[in-house]
Amino acid sequence: MPLHREPRLADPDGFYEALIDSQRDLSDDGAALMNAKLVLILANHIGDRAVLDEALALARPASAAAASASATSAPT
């Protein structure tokens, strides 16, 4: 199953508002913990490692990927 890249949420603004509201009274650390839990819950729901790997690659900043590639190819 490939990663769906086209918009699929019926109410994306409503979901974003619910996400923000769910973290409104949390500290930065609490919000980060909630986001980590949410990612793991949704990853478990998806269940397809190839789809998850593709999503990880898409979510990772391009600058971080380039820095990682240059660090692994640098002579030692």
Protein backbone atom coordinates (compact mmCIF):
# COMPACT_ATOMS: atom_id res chain seq x y z
CA MET A 1 0.00 0.00 0.00
CA PRO A 2 1.63 3.28 -1.05
CA LEU A 3 1.55 6.40 1.07
CA HIS A 4 -1.41 8.60 0.13
CA ARG A 5 -0.14 12.09 -0.66
CA GLU A 6 -3.35 13.71 -1.83
CA PRO A 7 -5.53 15.45 0.78
CA ARG A 8 -7.93 12.95 2.37
CA LEU A 9 -9.22 14.66 5.50
CA ALA A 10 -12.83 15.76 5.13
CA ASP A 11 -12.22 18.67 7.53
CA PRO A 12 -8.47 19.43 7.73
CA ASP A 13 -8.99 22.79 9.43
CA GLY A 14 -11.23 21.19 12.03
CA PHE A 15 -8.65 18.49 12.73
CA TYR A 16 -5.87 21.08 13.05
CA GLU A 17 -8.02 23.09 15.46
CA ALA A 18 -8.72 19.96 17.53
CA LEU A 19 -5.00 19.13 17.59
CA ILE A 20 -4.08 22.64 18.76
CA ASP A 21 -6.92 22.67 21.33
CA SER A 22 -5.78 19.30 22.72
CA GLN A 23 -2.38 20.82 23.55
CA ARG A 24 -3.48 24.28 24.67
CA ASP A 25 -2.93 23.72 28.40
CA LEU A 26 0.19 21.55 28.02
CA SER A 27 3.79 22.62 28.52
CA ASP A 28 6.15 22.38 25.54
CA ASP A 29 7.43 19.07 26.91
CA GLY A 30 3.87 17.83 27.45
CA ALA A 31 2.88 18.77 23.90
CA ALA A 32 5.99 17.04 22.51
CA LEU A 33 5.13 13.90 24.50
CA MET A 34 1.55 13.99 23.25
CA ASN A 35 2.78 14.37 19.65
CA ALA A 36 5.13 11.40 20.09
CA LYS A 37 2.29 9.29 21.48
CA LEU A 38 0.00 10.35 18.63
CA VAL A 39 2.64 9.40 16.04
CA LEU A 40 3.08 5.95 17.60
CA ILE A 41 -0.68 5.38 17.85
CA LEU A 42 -1.15 6.31 14.19
CA ALA A 43 1.91 4.29 13.11
CA ASN A 44 0.41 1.25 14.83
CA HIS A 45 -2.89 1.90 13.05
CA ILE A 46 -1.13 2.12 9.65
CA GLY A 47 0.94 -0.96 10.36
CA ASP A 48 2.80 -0.99 7.03
CA ARG A 49 6.54 -0.42 7.52
CA ALA A 50 7.12 0.69 3.91
CA VAL A 51 4.43 3.37 4.22
CA LEU A 52 5.86 4.51 7.55
CA ASP A 53 9.39 4.68 6.12
CA GLU A 54 8.13 6.78 3.21
CA ALA A 55 6.32 9.11 5.62
CA LEU A 56 9.47 9.45 7.75
CA ALA A 57 11.49 10.40 4.69
CA LEU A 58 8.89 12.98 3.62
CA ALA A 59 8.63 14.51 7.09
CA ARG A 60 12.37 14.83 7.66
CA PRO A 61 13.70 18.29 6.72
CA ALA A 62 15.72 18.26 3.50
CA SER A 63 18.58 20.09 5.23
CA ALA A 64 18.82 17.33 7.86
CA ALA A 65 18.90 14.63 5.18
CA ALA A 66 21.64 16.47 3.28
CA ALA A 67 23.68 16.98 6.45
CA SER A 68 23.31 13.31 7.33
CA ALA A 69 24.40 12.22 3.84
CA SER A 70 27.46 14.47 3.86
CA ALA A 71 28.43 13.30 7.36
CA THR A 72 28.36 9.65 6.30
CA SER A 73 30.39 10.30 3.15
CA ALA A 74 33.03 12.50 4.80
CA PRO A 75 36.51 10.96 4.91
CA THR A 76 37.79 9.90 8.31
